[in-house]
C-alpha atoms as a PDB file:
ATOM      1  CA  VAL A   1       0.000   0.000   0.000  1.00  0.00           C
ATOM      2  CA  ALA A   2       2.797   2.415   0.892  1.00  0.00           C
ATOM      3  CA  LYS A   3       4.507   1.742  -2.444  1.00  0.00           C
ATOM      4  CA  ASP A   4       1.244   2.085  -4.425  1.00  0.00           C
ATOM      5  CA  LEU A   5       0.560   5.479  -2.824  1.00  0.00           C
ATOM      6  CA  ALA A   6       4.188   6.589  -3.301  1.00  0.00           C
ATOM      7  CA  LEU A   7       4.542   7.200   0.447  1.00  0.00           C
ATOM      8  CA  ASP A   8       7.245   5.997   2.767  1.00  0.00           C
ATOM      9  CA  LEU A   9       6.188   4.168   5.932  1.00  0.00           C
ATOM     10  CA  PRO A  10       6.594   7.130   8.319  1.00  0.00           C
ATOM     11  CA  ALA A  11       4.405   9.275   6.030  1.00  0.00           C
ATOM     12  CA  LEU A  12       1.796   6.520   5.797  1.00  0.00           C
ATOM     13  CA  ARG A  13       1.677   6.223   9.600  1.00  0.00           C
ATOM     14  CA  ALA A  14       1.636   9.997  10.074  1.00  0.00           C
ATOM     15  CA  ARG A  15      -1.400  10.307   7.791  1.00  0.00           C
ATOM     16  CA  GLY A  16      -3.333   7.823   9.915  1.00  0.00           C
ATOM     17  CA  ALA A  17      -3.873   5.236   7.161  1.00  0.00           C
ATOM     18  CA  ARG A  18      -6.302   2.473   8.090  1.00  0.00           C
ATOM     19  CA  ILE A  19      -8.232  -0.351   6.453  1.00  0.00           C
ATOM     20  CA  VAL A  20     -11.997  -0.581   6.934  1.00  0.00           C
ATOM     21  CA  SER A  21     -13.992  -3.721   6.081  1.00  0.00           C
ATOM     22  CA  GLN A  22     -17.742  -4.025   5.707  1.00  0.00           C
ATOM     23  CA  GLY A  23     -19.541  -5.151   8.854  1.00  0.00           C
ATOM     24  CA  ARG A  24     -18.047  -5.551  12.299  1.00  0.00           C
ATOM     25  CA  THR A  25     -15.232  -7.950  11.463  1.00  0.00           C
ATOM     26  CA  GLN A  26     -12.014  -6.393  10.186  1.00  0.00           C
ATOM     27  CA  TYR A  27     -10.543  -8.930   7.775  1.00  0.00           C
ATOM     28  CA  PHE A  28      -7.552  -6.866   6.633  1.00  0.00           C
ATOM     29  CA  ALA A  29      -4.887  -4.682   8.224  1.00  0.00           C
ATOM     30  CA  LEU A  30      -1.805  -2.705   7.272  1.00  0.00           C
ATOM     31  CA  HIS A  31       1.427  -4.349   8.376  1.00  0.00           C
ATOM     32  CA  ALA A  32       3.157  -1.691  10.484  1.00  0.00           C
ATOM     33  CA  ASN A  33       6.734  -2.550   9.462  1.00  0.00           C
ATOM     34  CA  SER A  34       6.235  -3.085   5.725  1.00  0.00           C
ATOM     35  CA  GLY A  35       3.106  -1.160   4.706  1.00  0.00           C
ATOM     36  CA  HIS A  36       1.694  -4.337   3.111  1.00  0.00           C
ATOM     37  CA  LEU A  37      -1.998  -5.193   3.123  1.00  0.00           C
ATOM     38  CA  VAL A  38      -2.373  -8.401   5.158  1.00  0.00           C
ATOM     39  CA  THR A  39      -5.192 -10.535   6.518  1.00  0.00           C
ATOM     40  CA  ALA A  40      -5.970  -9.573  10.105  1.00  0.00           C
ATOM     41  CA  ASP A  41      -7.138 -13.071  11.017  1.00  0.00           C
ATOM     42  CA  ARG A  42      -7.940 -16.412   9.434  1.00  0.00           C
ATOM     43  CA  ILE A  43     -10.689 -16.144   6.780  1.00  0.00           C
ATOM     44  CA  ASP A  44     -13.025 -19.142   6.461  1.00  0.00           C
ATOM     45  CA  ARG A  45     -14.441 -19.016   2.928  1.00  0.00           C
ATOM     46  CA  GLU A  46     -16.826 -21.925   3.515  1.00  0.00           C
ATOM     47  CA  GLN A  47     -18.403 -20.175   6.489  1.00  0.00           C
ATOM     48  CA  MET A  48     -18.688 -16.777   4.807  1.00  0.00           C
ATOM     49  CA  CYS A  49     -19.743 -17.760   1.278  1.00  0.00           C
ATOM     50  CA  GLU A  50     -20.898 -21.358   1.538  1.00  0.00           C
ATOM     51  CA  ASN A  51     -23.445 -21.224  -1.312  1.00  0.00           C
ATOM     52  CA  GLU A  52     -21.783 -18.561  -3.464  1.00  0.00           C
ATOM     53  CA  PRO A  53     -19.679 -19.560  -6.480  1.00  0.00           C
ATOM     54  CA  GLN A  54     -17.459 -16.499  -5.984  1.00  0.00           C
ATOM     55  CA  CYS A  55     -16.445 -15.062  -2.617  1.00  0.00           C
ATOM     56  CA  VAL A  56     -15.522 -11.364  -2.524  1.00  0.00           C
ATOM     57  CA  LEU A  57     -14.417  -9.372   0.510  1.00  0.00           C
ATOM     58  CA  ARG A  58     -14.354  -5.615   0.089  1.00  0.00           C
ATOM     59  CA  CYS A  59     -12.376  -3.143   2.118  1.00  0.00           C
ATOM     60  CA  GLU A  60     -11.504   0.528   1.938  1.00  0.00           C
ATOM     61  CA  LEU A  61      -8.225   2.260   2.596  1.00  0.00           C
ATOM     62  CA  ILE A  62      -8.661   5.581   4.383  1.00  0.00           C
ATOM     63  CA  VAL A  63      -5.743   7.998   4.441  1.00  0.00           C
ATOM     64  CA  GLU A  64      -6.115  11.259   6.327  1.00  0.00           C
ATOM     65  CA  GLY A  65      -4.784  14.514   4.885  1.00  0.00           C
ATOM     66  CA  GLU A  66      -4.176  15.657   1.351  1.00  0.00           C
ATOM     67  CA  MET A  67      -2.640  13.332  -1.199  1.00  0.00           C
END
């Protein structure tokens, strides 16, 4: 994420970047040391999308301040 936004890690942290998932469960997070998008916990596809042929999880990246 840091590389895609052309920000270094201190700038990404200073801008208060965070990942927001739909619903109450946060499935993704930003890795503090690398700026990579990572899974926050184990994701059980069978439990979430048991009858769906395609399983899609959406999230938003929110970065405070001007880009």
